[in-house]
Amino acid sequence: MPYRTLQAVPSPGRLALSIALIYAAVAAGWIIYSDRLLAVWVHDPVRITEAQTWKGIFFVLSTSALLWGMIRYGFASLWSLQQRLADREAAFRVALHATRLGLWDYRVGRDTVDTSEAVAQMLGYAPGTFRETVAGWLERLHPEDRELTRARFRNYVEGRTRDYMCEYRMRLADGSYRWFRSAGEVIERDAEGRPTRLIGTYLDIHEQVEAFRRLAESEARARLYLERMPIGCIVTDTDWRVIECNAAFQQIFGFEADALRGRSLFDTIVPESARGQTEVVLARLRNGTFDAHNVNENLTRDGRRILCEWFNTPIRDADGKVVQLLAMAIDISAREATERALADSHRRLSDLSARLMQIQEEERGRLARELHDEIGQQLTAAKFNLHAIGRATLADTARARLEDCVQIMDLTIQRIRDRALDLRPSMLDDLGLGPALAWYCQGQAERTGVAIELQCPDGLERFAEPAETAAFRIVQESVNNALRHGAPAHVRVALVRDDGFIELEIEDDGCGFDPAAPSDGRGSLGLVGMRERAELAGGRFRLSSAAGKGTCIVARLPVQRREAAP
């Protein structure tokens, strides 16, 4: 409930004087007028004496009742006022405690200052042992704040300022200093209007001051970072009117900060071709989307067009409302040109690598044909000549040597044929990928004794020659690596046809390896070659392995059906 304004109460002397005057007036009026009335109404002297007695008794009783009523009214008013004052004091104490305020009461000219218990607690003293004095207060003030604080208090007391409020540091009982805010007001003055009594409060604002100090330091650091950051940074309002920008931004776009401040980015650095995209980004930022990233063309002051990468962030107030925008720009024109050049170089290298692989396959095919057709035929002819010589009459020793030469010739012819097939299996060109894989897996299993399982659909159609070659070489290199380095007991080769793709999976149960571990380079060249073949064919390559858990290679290649020869 709201407090009522306290009514003015007269001083005790004035109240007693009022009661005495009222009593004297009533008594004088009674004496004068009662005797006159008795003389008019009663003529018998005996009855007049009796009436005078009753008149005296009535006067005593009536004046006693009057005095009782007046005194009771006075004390009731004082009691009611005391109760209201007690309520006000209790509420005031609660308010002081809730707001952590300490109360001081200073009478001008005295050396002591009355303080509440909260002041002692603020300063780190026991309430019963602390007694404030003017000299003690001045001595506790921080040396840097003492003169300014004294001057402000003196100016207020002498009437040169209307209000007294001052913030300063005071030393605590443990020797440390804390920030306080002191505010006071004159409540009593002498006859000449000079202050005689002041009452005020202390408020501990140390945490608040420290928070403001840390905030100021943080803002200073942020501003320093903004100014020194090599990335162009700009702060705008929600309509992208410039508030401030750093030196890097000015250098990128060629504008001075004063020339940008207050102007919209749409009128300065955003070309018409990028306006639509920029408005979409601005709408997202106004809605609070964090880190709206975009790349678009921008204009410099001299009219050049540059490509910039933007990182944008909304800035919110304490209520979470977007009030400003922070945008960071990186000029990626040179980087874009470098990336294009690098992409062109990578494309040319890929074309060169593909051409080299094609030449390698052509050279392998030529060597295979030469070994099989020319050298093979010549060795076969030499073998026939040896057989012809063997039919002649020879000594036993010469015949034994001749038969040994024939066996060597047979072995050489077989090895040349094997090498020719390794270089370029003729059935890959003649019969296709499926029969070539079956021949290769069977031959490797027979030569090494390792079980090699081929899972390939029957009647696999013919594909374009580059795809068949890439698939066969990936299987060949994977199986060779497994047999050479993994010591497996079983190797599985699977081929799956999948809507314009073939997927190869080569899995072994060998010793495996850690793909992330450094290698001597010999084994990794085969993996690099397989990955390159897959990527040049437009496919994907994946390898998974672990020590003691074997190796699995998966290659997915796009394929096209081979057109029939005319």
Protein backbone atom coordinates (compact mmCIF):
# COMPACT_ATOMS: atom_id res chain seq x y z
CA MET A 1 0.00 0.00 0.00
CA PRO A 2 1.28 3.57 -0.64
CA TYR A 3 2.56 5.56 2.28
CA ARG A 4 0.57 8.64 3.33
CA THR A 5 2.34 11.91 3.77
CA LEU A 6 3.24 12.47 7.43
CA GLN A 7 1.32 15.40 8.98
CA ALA A 8 3.21 18.15 10.76
CA VAL A 9 3.08 17.75 14.56
CA PRO A 10 3.62 20.75 16.92
CA SER A 11 6.43 20.69 19.41
CA PRO A 12 5.67 19.47 23.01
CA GLY A 13 5.91 23.02 24.45
CA ARG A 14 3.46 24.39 21.92
CA LEU A 15 1.09 21.49 22.52
CA ALA A 16 1.19 22.04 26.33
CA LEU A 17 0.64 25.77 25.89
CA SER A 18 -2.40 25.09 23.71
CA ILE A 19 -3.91 22.78 26.32
CA ALA A 20 -3.28 25.32 29.12
CA LEU A 21 -4.84 28.18 27.18
CA ILE A 22 -7.91 26.12 26.31
CA TYR A 23 -8.25 25.08 29.97
CA ALA A 24 -7.89 28.70 31.20
CA ALA A 25 -10.51 29.96 28.75
CA VAL A 26 -12.99 27.27 29.71
CA ALA A 27 -12.36 27.81 33.46
CA ALA A 28 -12.66 31.63 33.25
CA GLY A 29 -15.85 31.40 31.21
CA TRP A 30 -17.32 28.89 33.64
CA ILE A 31 -16.56 31.00 36.70
CA ILE A 32 -17.93 34.22 35.25
CA TYR A 33 -21.06 32.97 33.59
CA SER A 34 -21.98 30.22 36.13
CA ASP A 35 -22.17 32.69 39.05
CA ARG A 36 -24.34 35.07 37.07
CA LEU A 37 -26.71 32.27 36.11
CA LEU A 38 -26.98 31.09 39.72
CA ALA A 39 -27.84 34.68 40.85
CA VAL A 40 -30.62 34.81 38.30
CA TRP A 41 -32.04 31.34 38.95
CA VAL A 42 -31.55 30.88 42.77
CA HIS A 43 -32.46 33.57 45.41
CA ASP A 44 -32.21 31.51 48.60
CA PRO A 45 -28.71 31.91 50.21
CA VAL A 46 -28.73 28.30 51.51
CA ARG A 47 -29.57 26.92 48.14
CA ILE A 48 -26.97 29.17 46.49
CA THR A 49 -24.28 27.68 48.77
CA GLU A 50 -25.43 24.18 47.92
CA ALA A 51 -25.51 25.04 44.21
CA GLN A 52 -22.01 26.51 44.46
CA THR A 53 -20.81 23.15 45.85
CA TRP A 54 -22.38 21.17 43.03
CA LYS A 55 -21.09 23.72 40.56
CA GLY A 56 -17.57 23.19 41.83
CA ILE A 57 -17.92 19.42 41.62
CA PHE A 58 -19.29 19.67 38.07
CA PHE A 59 -16.48 22.04 37.13
CA VAL A 60 -13.83 19.65 38.40
CA LEU A 61 -15.41 16.69 36.61
CA SER A 62 -16.01 18.50 33.34
CA THR A 63 -12.56 20.09 33.23
CA SER A 64 -10.99 16.73 34.12
CA ALA A 65 -12.87 15.09 31.23
CA LEU A 66 -11.82 17.93 28.95
CA LEU A 67 -8.18 17.61 29.99
CA TRP A 68 -8.35 13.83 29.58
CA GLY A 69 -9.77 14.13 26.06
CA MET A 70 -7.23 16.72 24.99
CA ILE A 71 -4.27 14.84 26.44
CA ARG A 72 -5.56 11.56 24.97
CA TYR A 73 -5.90 13.16 21.55
CA GLY A 74 -2.37 14.52 21.75
CA PHE A 75 -0.82 11.22 22.82
CA ALA A 76 -2.88 9.26 20.25
CA SER A 77 -1.56 11.53 17.51
CA LEU A 78 2.00 11.07 18.77
CA TRP A 79 1.59 7.30 18.97
CA SER A 80 0.14 7.11 15.45
CA LEU A 81 3.01 9.23 14.18
CA GLN A 82 5.55 7.01 15.96
CA GLN A 83 3.99 3.91 14.40
CA ARG A 84 4.16 5.40 10.94
CA LEU A 85 7.72 6.50 11.57
CA ALA A 86 8.57 2.97 12.74
CA ASP A 87 7.02 1.52 9.58
CA ARG A 88 8.91 3.99 7.46
CA GLU A 89 12.16 3.18 9.26
CA ALA A 90 11.63 -0.58 8.80
CA ALA A 91 10.92 -0.11 5.10
CA PHE A 92 13.94 2.16 4.83
CA ARG A 93 16.17 -0.45 6.46
CA VAL A 94 14.85 -3.13 4.11
CA ALA A 95 15.49 -0.85 1.14
CA LEU A 96 19.01 -0.11 2.34
CA HIS A 97 19.70 -3.82 2.81
CA ALA A 98 18.19 -4.78 -0.54
CA THR A 99 20.11 -2.10 -2.43
CA ARG A 100 23.30 -2.75 -0.40
CA LEU A 101 23.48 0.87 0.59
CA GLY A 102 25.41 2.21 3.55
CA LEU A 103 24.04 5.31 5.36
CA TRP A 104 26.10 8.22 6.66
CA ASP A 105 24.92 11.22 8.70
CA TYR A 106 27.23 14.24 8.96
CA ARG A 107 26.64 17.33 11.10
CA VAL A 108 28.71 20.23 9.83
CA GLY A 109 31.45 21.24 12.23
CA ARG A 110 31.71 17.92 14.05
CA ASP A 111 34.64 15.53 13.72
CA THR A 112 32.54 12.36 13.84
CA VAL A 113 30.22 10.95 11.22
CA ASP A 114 27.37 8.61 12.13
CA THR A 115 27.20 5.55 9.87
CA SER A 116 25.06 2.45 9.58
CA GLU A 117 26.36 -1.06 10.17
CA ALA A 118 26.39 -1.62 6.41
CA VAL A 119 29.17 0.97 6.01
CA ALA A 120 31.41 -0.93 8.41
CA GLN A 121 30.70 -4.17 6.61
CA MET A 122 31.44 -2.56 3.23
CA LEU A 123 34.83 -1.43 4.50
CA GLY A 124 35.63 -4.80 6.06
CA TYR A 125 35.29 -3.79 9.72
CA ALA A 126 33.25 -5.32 12.53
CA PRO A 127 30.21 -3.06 13.08
CA GLY A 128 30.83 -2.72 16.79
CA THR A 129 34.43 -1.57 16.37
CA PHE A 130 34.11 0.92 13.51
CA ARG A 131 33.66 4.63 14.16
CA GLU A 132 33.81 7.04 11.27
CA THR A 133 35.55 10.41 11.49
CA VAL A 134 36.20 13.14 8.95
CA ALA A 135 39.96 12.65 9.24
CA GLY A 136 39.60 8.86 8.92
CA TRP A 137 37.43 9.24 5.82
CA LEU A 138 39.95 11.56 4.17
CA GLU A 139 42.83 9.25 5.07
CA ARG A 140 41.01 6.23 3.54
CA LEU A 141 40.46 7.94 0.20
CA HIS A 142 42.74 6.85 -2.61
CA PRO A 143 45.51 9.44 -3.10
CA GLU A 144 44.49 9.93 -6.74
CA ASP A 145 40.85 10.64 -5.76
CA ARG A 146 41.30 12.64 -2.53
CA GLU A 147 41.52 16.23 -3.80
CA LEU A 148 38.75 15.84 -6.38
CA THR A 149 36.42 14.24 -3.80
CA ARG A 150 37.07 16.97 -1.21
CA ALA A 151 36.48 19.69 -3.83
CA ARG A 152 33.14 18.21 -4.91
CA PHE A 153 31.90 17.88 -1.32
CA ARG A 154 33.00 21.43 -0.48
CA ASN A 155 31.35 22.86 -3.59
CA TYR A 156 28.05 21.21 -2.66
CA VAL A 157 28.13 22.37 0.97
CA GLU A 158 29.00 25.91 -0.09
CA GLY A 159 26.17 25.95 -2.62
CA ARG A 160 28.24 26.03 -5.83
CA THR A 161 26.65 22.81 -7.09
CA ARG A 162 23.04 21.67 -6.78
CA ASP A 163 23.68 17.96 -6.19
CA TYR A 164 26.31 15.86 -4.51
CA MET A 165 27.32 12.57 -6.10
CA CYS A 166 30.85 11.35 -6.37
CA GLU A 167 32.63 8.11 -7.25
CA TYR A 168 35.96 7.32 -5.62
CA ARG A 169 38.08 4.57 -4.16
CA MET A 170 38.36 3.87 -0.44
CA ARG A 171 40.83 1.65 1.35
CA LEU A 172 39.36 -1.37 3.12
CA ALA A 173 40.47 -2.95 6.38
CA ASP A 174 42.73 -5.41 4.49
CA GLY A 175 44.51 -2.58 2.65
CA SER A 176 42.86 -3.10 -0.75
CA TYR A 177 40.83 -0.42 -2.52
CA ARG A 178 37.29 -0.61 -3.84
CA TRP A 179 35.14 1.79 -5.81
CA PHE A 180 32.16 3.46 -4.07
CA ARG A 181 29.50 5.92 -5.17
CA SER A 182 28.53 8.45 -2.51
CA ALA A 183 25.43 10.63 -2.79
CA GLY A 184 24.07 13.03 -0.18
CA GLU A 185 21.63 15.86 0.50
CA VAL A 186 21.31 18.73 2.99
CA ILE A 187 18.41 18.11 5.35
CA GLU A 188 18.95 20.88 7.94
CA ARG A 189 20.03 24.51 7.65
CA ASP A 190 20.56 27.31 10.18
CA ALA A 191 18.71 30.62 10.26
CA GLU A 192 21.01 32.03 7.58
CA GLY A 193 20.43 29.08 5.25
CA ARG A 194 23.82 27.45 5.74
CA PRO A 195 23.83 23.61 5.81
CA THR A 196 24.12 22.11 9.26
CA ARG A 197 23.34 18.46 8.55
CA LEU A 198 23.75 16.15 5.56
CA ILE A 199 22.62 12.57 5.08
CA GLY A 200 23.83 10.34 2.29
CA THR A 201 24.58 6.83 1.16
CA TYR A 202 27.48 4.64 0.01
CA LEU A 203 27.04 2.15 -2.84
CA ASP A 204 29.73 -0.43 -3.61
CA ILE A 205 30.21 -0.15 -7.40
CA HIS A 206 33.55 -1.95 -7.63
CA GLU A 207 32.25 -4.85 -9.76
CA GLN A 208 30.40 -2.40 -11.99
CA VAL A 209 33.48 -0.23 -12.47
CA GLU A 210 35.63 -3.29 -13.15
CA ALA A 211 33.06 -4.57 -15.64
CA PHE A 212 33.07 -1.21 -17.42
CA ARG A 213 36.87 -1.22 -17.39
CA ARG A 214 37.01 -4.72 -18.87
CA LEU A 215 34.37 -3.73 -21.42
CA ALA A 216 36.38 -0.65 -22.37
CA GLU A 217 39.52 -2.74 -22.70
CA SER A 218 37.63 -5.30 -24.77
CA GLU A 219 36.26 -2.57 -27.03
CA ALA A 220 39.73 -1.08 -27.38
CA ARG A 221 41.16 -4.48 -28.30
CA ALA A 222 38.32 -5.11 -30.73
CA ARG A 223 38.91 -1.73 -32.35
CA LEU A 224 42.64 -2.44 -32.52
CA TYR A 225 41.97 -5.84 -34.10
CA LEU A 226 39.57 -4.19 -36.53
CA GLU A 227 42.11 -1.59 -37.53
CA ARG A 228 45.06 -3.99 -37.81
CA MET A 229 43.16 -6.86 -39.43
CA PRO A 230 44.37 -7.51 -43.00
CA ILE A 231 40.79 -8.40 -43.98
CA GLY A 232 38.47 -5.58 -44.99
CA CYS A 233 35.93 -5.02 -42.20
CA ILE A 234 32.92 -2.71 -42.19
CA VAL A 235 30.12 -1.98 -39.70
CA THR A 236 26.78 -0.82 -41.11
CA ASP A 237 23.23 -0.28 -39.97
CA THR A 238 20.46 -2.64 -41.06
CA ASP A 239 20.09 -0.73 -44.37
CA TRP A 240 23.80 -1.17 -45.10
CA ARG A 241 24.65 2.46 -44.51
CA VAL A 242 28.29 2.61 -43.46
CA ILE A 243 29.09 3.41 -39.82
CA GLU A 244 32.81 2.64 -39.80
CA CYS A 245 35.40 0.65 -41.75
CA ASN A 246 39.01 -0.35 -41.23
CA ALA A 247 42.11 0.53 -43.24
CA ALA A 248 42.13 -2.78 -45.13
CA PHE A 249 38.61 -2.11 -46.42
CA GLN A 250 39.64 1.35 -47.58
CA GLN A 251 42.66 -0.12 -49.33
CA ILE A 252 40.63 -2.82 -51.11
CA PHE A 253 37.95 -0.49 -52.46
CA GLY A 254 39.89 2.79 -52.65
CA PHE A 255 37.43 4.83 -50.54
CA GLU A 256 38.33 6.99 -47.55
CA ALA A 257 36.35 6.28 -44.38
CA ASP A 258 34.79 9.75 -44.42
CA ALA A 259 33.67 9.26 -48.01
CA LEU A 260 31.84 6.04 -47.07
CA ARG A 261 30.38 6.99 -43.70
CA GLY A 262 26.60 7.37 -43.88
CA ARG A 263 26.36 6.11 -47.47
CA SER A 264 24.79 2.84 -48.57
CA LEU A 265 26.90 0.04 -49.97
CA PHE A 266 24.39 -0.20 -52.81
CA ASP A 267 25.47 3.30 -53.91
CA THR A 268 29.22 2.69 -53.61
CA ILE A 269 30.62 -0.82 -54.09
CA VAL A 270 27.67 -3.04 -55.16
CA PRO A 271 27.23 -3.18 -58.96
CA GLU A 272 23.81 -3.59 -60.48
CA SER A 273 24.64 -7.17 -61.50
CA ALA A 274 25.14 -8.17 -57.85
CA ARG A 275 22.28 -6.15 -56.34
CA GLY A 276 19.76 -9.02 -56.29
CA GLN A 277 22.12 -11.42 -54.54
CA THR A 278 23.18 -8.71 -52.09
CA GLU A 279 19.57 -7.90 -51.19
CA VAL A 280 18.93 -11.58 -50.43
CA VAL A 281 21.96 -11.62 -48.11
CA LEU A 282 20.77 -8.42 -46.41
CA ALA A 283 17.32 -9.91 -45.80
CA ARG A 284 18.89 -12.98 -44.18
CA LEU A 285 21.04 -10.80 -41.94
CA ARG A 286 18.05 -8.70 -40.85
CA ASN A 287 16.34 -11.94 -39.83
CA GLY A 288 19.33 -12.80 -37.67
CA THR A 289 20.98 -15.43 -39.87
CA PHE A 290 24.49 -15.88 -38.55
CA ASP A 291 27.50 -15.83 -40.89
CA ALA A 292 25.70 -15.22 -44.20
CA HIS A 293 28.47 -16.07 -46.66
CA ASN A 294 28.53 -15.03 -50.29
CA VAL A 295 30.89 -14.37 -53.19
CA ASN A 296 30.07 -11.62 -55.66
CA GLU A 297 31.53 -8.93 -57.87
CA ASN A 298 32.15 -5.47 -56.42
CA LEU A 299 33.21 -2.05 -57.64
CA THR A 300 36.20 0.01 -56.51
CA ARG A 301 36.29 3.78 -56.41
CA ASP A 302 38.12 3.94 -59.76
CA GLY A 303 35.51 1.69 -61.43
CA ARG A 304 37.44 -1.58 -61.44
CA ARG A 305 35.49 -4.80 -60.89
CA ILE A 306 36.92 -7.17 -58.32
CA LEU A 307 35.69 -10.48 -56.97
CA CYS A 308 35.20 -10.51 -53.18
CA GLU A 309 34.34 -13.18 -50.68
CA TRP A 310 32.09 -11.85 -47.89
CA PHE A 311 31.49 -13.10 -44.36
CA ASN A 312 28.56 -11.28 -42.75
CA THR A 313 27.30 -11.36 -39.17
CA PRO A 314 24.36 -9.57 -37.48
CA ILE A 315 25.07 -7.54 -34.31
CA ARG A 316 22.31 -7.66 -31.68
CA ASP A 317 21.43 -5.40 -28.77
CA ALA A 318 20.65 -6.56 -25.24
CA ASP A 319 17.10 -7.50 -26.30
CA GLY A 320 18.33 -9.69 -29.15
CA LYS A 321 17.24 -7.24 -31.87
CA VAL A 322 19.51 -6.89 -34.90
CA VAL A 323 20.78 -3.30 -34.83
CA GLN A 324 23.98 -3.41 -36.88
CA LEU A 325 25.79 -5.63 -39.37
CA LEU A 326 29.43 -6.65 -39.52
CA ALA A 327 30.80 -7.56 -42.93
CA MET A 328 34.29 -8.82 -43.75
CA ALA A 329 35.56 -8.78 -47.34
CA ILE A 330 38.47 -10.61 -48.95
CA ASP A 331 39.60 -9.65 -52.43
CA ILE A 332 39.89 -13.02 -54.15
CA SER A 333 40.40 -11.71 -57.67
CA ALA A 334 44.05 -12.82 -57.74
CA ARG A 335 43.18 -16.07 -55.98
CA GLU A 336 40.40 -16.73 -58.47
CA ALA A 337 42.78 -16.17 -61.37
CA THR A 338 45.33 -18.46 -59.70
CA GLU A 339 42.70 -21.12 -59.13
CA ARG A 340 41.60 -20.91 -62.75
CA ALA A 341 45.21 -21.20 -63.87
CA LEU A 342 45.74 -24.10 -61.49
CA ALA A 343 42.57 -25.79 -62.76
CA ASP A 344 43.75 -25.31 -66.34
CA SER A 345 47.14 -26.71 -65.42
CA HIS A 346 45.53 -29.65 -63.66
CA ARG A 347 43.33 -30.26 -66.69
CA ARG A 348 46.34 -30.17 -69.00
CA LEU A 349 48.26 -32.51 -66.70
CA SER A 350 45.30 -34.86 -66.62
CA ASP A 351 45.10 -34.79 -70.39
CA LEU A 352 48.82 -35.41 -70.59
CA SER A 353 48.62 -38.25 -68.08
CA ALA A 354 45.74 -39.81 -69.99
CA ARG A 355 47.70 -39.46 -73.21
CA LEU A 356 50.78 -41.01 -71.62
CA MET A 357 48.74 -43.93 -70.38
CA GLN A 358 47.26 -44.36 -73.82
CA ILE A 359 50.74 -44.27 -75.37
CA GLN A 360 51.91 -46.72 -72.71
CA GLU A 361 49.10 -49.10 -73.56
CA GLU A 362 49.81 -48.73 -77.28
CA GLU A 363 53.51 -49.37 -76.68
CA ARG A 364 52.71 -52.39 -74.56
CA GLY A 365 50.45 -53.71 -77.31
CA ARG A 366 53.16 -53.16 -79.91
CA LEU A 367 55.81 -54.88 -77.77
CA ALA A 368 53.41 -57.74 -77.05
CA ARG A 369 52.76 -58.22 -80.75
CA GLU A 370 56.48 -58.07 -81.57
CA LEU A 371 57.30 -60.60 -78.87
CA HIS A 372 54.49 -62.88 -79.90
CA ASP A 373 54.61 -62.51 -83.66
CA GLU A 374 58.22 -61.81 -84.58
CA ILE A 375 60.45 -63.12 -81.79
CA GLY A 376 58.06 -65.97 -81.01
CA GLN A 377 57.97 -67.03 -84.63
CA GLN A 378 61.75 -66.85 -84.95
CA LEU A 379 62.25 -68.95 -81.86
CA THR A 380 59.71 -71.45 -83.14
CA ALA A 381 61.61 -71.69 -86.43
CA ALA A 382 64.85 -72.23 -84.50
CA LYS A 383 63.11 -74.99 -82.54
CA PHE A 384 62.02 -76.70 -85.75
CA ASN A 385 65.61 -76.53 -87.06
CA LEU A 386 66.82 -78.17 -83.86
CA HIS A 387 64.26 -80.95 -84.32
CA ALA A 388 65.46 -81.42 -87.90
CA ILE A 389 69.05 -81.68 -86.71
CA GLY A 390 67.92 -84.18 -84.09
CA ARG A 391 66.63 -86.55 -86.75
CA ALA A 392 70.13 -86.91 -88.16
CA THR A 393 72.55 -89.52 -86.85
CA LEU A 394 74.35 -87.99 -83.88
CA ALA A 395 76.44 -89.23 -81.06
CA ASP A 396 74.68 -89.74 -77.75
CA THR A 397 76.43 -86.78 -76.18
CA ALA A 398 75.46 -84.43 -78.97
CA ARG A 399 71.86 -85.69 -78.97
CA ALA A 400 71.53 -85.04 -75.22
CA ARG A 401 72.74 -81.48 -75.67
CA LEU A 402 70.41 -80.95 -78.56
CA GLU A 403 67.39 -82.12 -76.54
CA ASP A 404 68.45 -79.75 -73.73
CA CYS A 405 68.52 -76.89 -76.24
CA VAL A 406 65.03 -77.80 -77.40
CA GLN A 407 63.71 -77.72 -73.82
CA ILE A 408 65.36 -74.33 -73.21
CA MET A 409 63.79 -73.09 -76.42
CA ASP A 410 60.32 -74.30 -75.32
CA LEU A 411 60.70 -72.57 -71.94
CA THR A 412 61.87 -69.34 -73.60
CA ILE A 413 58.97 -69.34 -76.05
CA GLN A 414 56.50 -69.86 -73.17
CA ARG A 415 58.00 -67.06 -71.10
CA ILE A 416 57.96 -64.69 -74.05
CA ARG A 417 54.31 -65.50 -74.64
CA ASP A 418 53.54 -64.90 -70.92
CA ARG A 419 55.35 -61.58 -70.97
CA ALA A 420 53.52 -60.59 -74.11
CA LEU A 421 50.20 -61.37 -72.50
CA ASP A 422 51.22 -59.46 -69.36
CA LEU A 423 52.05 -56.44 -71.44
CA ARG A 424 48.74 -56.50 -73.26
CA PRO A 425 46.47 -59.56 -73.09
CA SER A 426 45.15 -60.12 -76.56
CA MET A 427 41.86 -61.49 -75.28
CA LEU A 428 41.09 -58.09 -73.67
CA ASP A 429 40.96 -56.66 -77.18
CA ASP A 430 39.44 -59.74 -78.79
CA LEU A 431 36.95 -61.03 -76.15
CA GLY A 432 36.45 -58.18 -73.65
CA LEU A 433 36.84 -57.48 -69.95
CA GLY A 434 35.08 -60.55 -68.50
CA PRO A 435 37.15 -63.25 -70.28
CA ALA A 436 40.35 -61.24 -69.75
CA LEU A 437 39.76 -61.09 -65.97
CA ALA A 438 38.93 -64.80 -65.88
CA TRP A 439 42.13 -65.66 -67.76
CA TYR A 440 44.24 -63.39 -65.56
CA CYS A 441 42.83 -64.63 -62.23
CA GLN A 442 43.19 -68.27 -63.25
CA GLY A 443 46.76 -67.76 -64.42
CA GLN A 444 47.79 -65.95 -61.20
CA ALA A 445 46.17 -68.64 -59.08
CA GLU A 446 48.05 -71.36 -60.96
CA ARG A 447 51.39 -69.56 -60.75
CA THR A 448 51.18 -68.58 -57.05
CA GLY A 449 48.97 -71.26 -55.50
CA VAL A 450 46.72 -68.57 -53.92
CA ALA A 451 42.98 -69.04 -54.27
CA ILE A 452 41.66 -66.19 -56.43
CA GLU A 453 37.88 -66.00 -56.68
CA LEU A 454 36.31 -64.04 -59.55
CA GLN A 455 32.71 -62.86 -59.23
CA CYS A 456 31.68 -61.54 -62.63
CA PRO A 457 28.29 -61.71 -64.39
CA ASP A 458 28.14 -64.12 -67.35
CA GLY A 459 27.90 -62.64 -70.79
CA LEU A 460 29.31 -59.26 -69.76
CA GLU A 461 28.91 -56.86 -72.66
CA ARG A 462 31.76 -55.05 -74.31
CA PHE A 463 32.59 -51.53 -73.11
CA ALA A 464 34.59 -48.72 -74.62
CA GLU A 465 38.28 -49.59 -74.86
CA PRO A 466 39.56 -46.96 -72.30
CA ALA A 467 37.11 -48.18 -69.64
CA GLU A 468 38.00 -51.87 -70.20
CA THR A 469 41.71 -51.07 -70.06
CA ALA A 470 41.38 -48.99 -66.86
CA ALA A 471 39.29 -51.71 -65.15
CA PHE A 472 41.69 -54.51 -66.14
CA ARG A 473 44.79 -52.56 -65.05
CA ILE A 474 43.22 -51.68 -61.66
CA VAL A 475 42.43 -55.37 -61.02
CA GLN A 476 45.87 -56.42 -62.27
CA GLU A 477 47.71 -53.93 -60.03
CA SER A 478 45.51 -54.69 -56.99
CA VAL A 479 46.04 -58.48 -57.27
CA ASN A 480 49.78 -58.06 -57.91
CA ASN A 481 50.12 -55.80 -54.85
CA ALA A 482 48.20 -58.27 -52.69
CA LEU A 483 50.33 -61.23 -53.87
CA ARG A 484 53.59 -59.30 -53.61
CA HIS A 485 53.11 -57.56 -50.25
CA GLY A 486 50.14 -59.07 -48.39
CA ALA A 487 50.83 -62.85 -48.36
CA PRO A 488 47.09 -63.66 -48.61
CA ALA A 489 45.46 -67.07 -48.61
CA HIS A 490 42.44 -65.86 -50.54
CA VAL A 491 41.74 -62.98 -52.94
CA ARG A 492 38.26 -62.03 -54.12
CA VAL A 493 37.69 -60.02 -57.31
CA ALA A 494 34.11 -58.82 -57.84
CA LEU A 495 32.65 -56.87 -60.77
CA VAL A 496 29.12 -55.40 -60.56
CA ARG A 497 27.27 -53.68 -63.41
CA ASP A 498 25.28 -50.68 -62.13
CA ASP A 499 23.36 -48.39 -64.55
CA GLY A 500 26.15 -46.79 -66.54
CA PHE A 501 28.87 -47.79 -64.07
CA ILE A 502 30.93 -50.82 -63.18
CA GLU A 503 32.11 -51.27 -59.62
CA LEU A 504 35.25 -53.30 -58.95
CA GLU A 505 36.01 -54.66 -55.50
CA ILE A 506 39.31 -56.44 -54.83
CA GLU A 507 39.57 -57.83 -51.31
CA ASP A 508 42.26 -60.03 -49.72
CA ASP A 509 42.84 -61.56 -46.29
CA GLY A 510 46.52 -60.69 -46.18
CA CYS A 511 48.54 -58.85 -43.56
CA GLY A 512 47.15 -55.42 -44.52
CA PHE A 513 48.82 -52.09 -43.71
CA ASP A 514 48.18 -48.63 -42.28
CA PRO A 515 47.34 -46.28 -45.18
CA ALA A 516 48.30 -43.24 -43.07
CA ALA A 517 51.75 -44.59 -42.21
CA PRO A 518 54.73 -43.31 -44.26
CA SER A 519 55.89 -45.71 -46.96
CA ASP A 520 59.11 -46.25 -48.86
CA GLY A 521 57.36 -45.22 -52.08
CA ARG A 522 57.58 -48.52 -53.92
CA GLY A 523 54.18 -49.83 -52.93
CA SER A 524 52.52 -46.42 -52.97
CA LEU A 525 53.29 -45.88 -56.65
CA GLY A 526 50.92 -48.68 -57.55
CA LEU A 527 48.16 -47.15 -55.43
CA VAL A 528 48.77 -43.73 -56.98
CA GLY A 529 48.58 -45.26 -60.44
CA MET A 530 45.29 -47.03 -59.69
CA ARG A 531 43.75 -43.87 -58.21
CA GLU A 532 44.90 -41.83 -61.18
CA ARG A 533 43.47 -44.36 -63.67
CA ALA A 534 40.11 -44.29 -61.91
CA GLU A 535 39.96 -40.48 -61.73
CA LEU A 536 41.09 -40.03 -65.32
CA ALA A 537 38.27 -42.34 -66.36
CA GLY A 538 35.85 -40.09 -64.45
CA GLY A 539 35.38 -42.54 -61.59
CA ARG A 540 36.13 -42.85 -57.88
CA PHE A 541 38.72 -44.86 -55.99
CA ARG A 542 38.60 -45.94 -52.35
CA LEU A 543 41.06 -47.99 -50.28
CA SER A 544 40.59 -49.39 -46.79
CA SER A 545 43.14 -51.45 -44.90
CA ALA A 546 44.46 -52.11 -41.42
CA ALA A 547 47.36 -54.07 -40.07
CA GLY A 548 46.39 -57.75 -39.78
CA LYS A 549 42.94 -57.20 -41.38
CA GLY A 550 43.68 -57.38 -45.10
CA THR A 551 43.01 -54.79 -47.79
CA CYS A 552 39.94 -53.80 -49.78
CA ILE A 553 40.04 -51.66 -52.92
CA VAL A 554 36.87 -50.31 -54.54
CA ALA A 555 36.83 -48.52 -57.89
CA ARG A 556 33.67 -47.19 -59.52
CA LEU A 557 34.05 -46.33 -63.22
CA PRO A 558 31.58 -44.87 -65.73
CA VAL A 559 31.23 -47.09 -68.83
CA GLN A 560 29.60 -46.90 -72.23
CA ARG A 561 28.63 -49.83 -74.39
CA ARG A 562 31.11 -50.38 -77.23
CA GLU A 563 29.63 -49.73 -80.63
CA ALA A 564 29.84 -52.59 -83.08
CA ALA A 565 32.46 -52.24 -85.80
CA PRO A 566 30.98 -51.38 -89.22
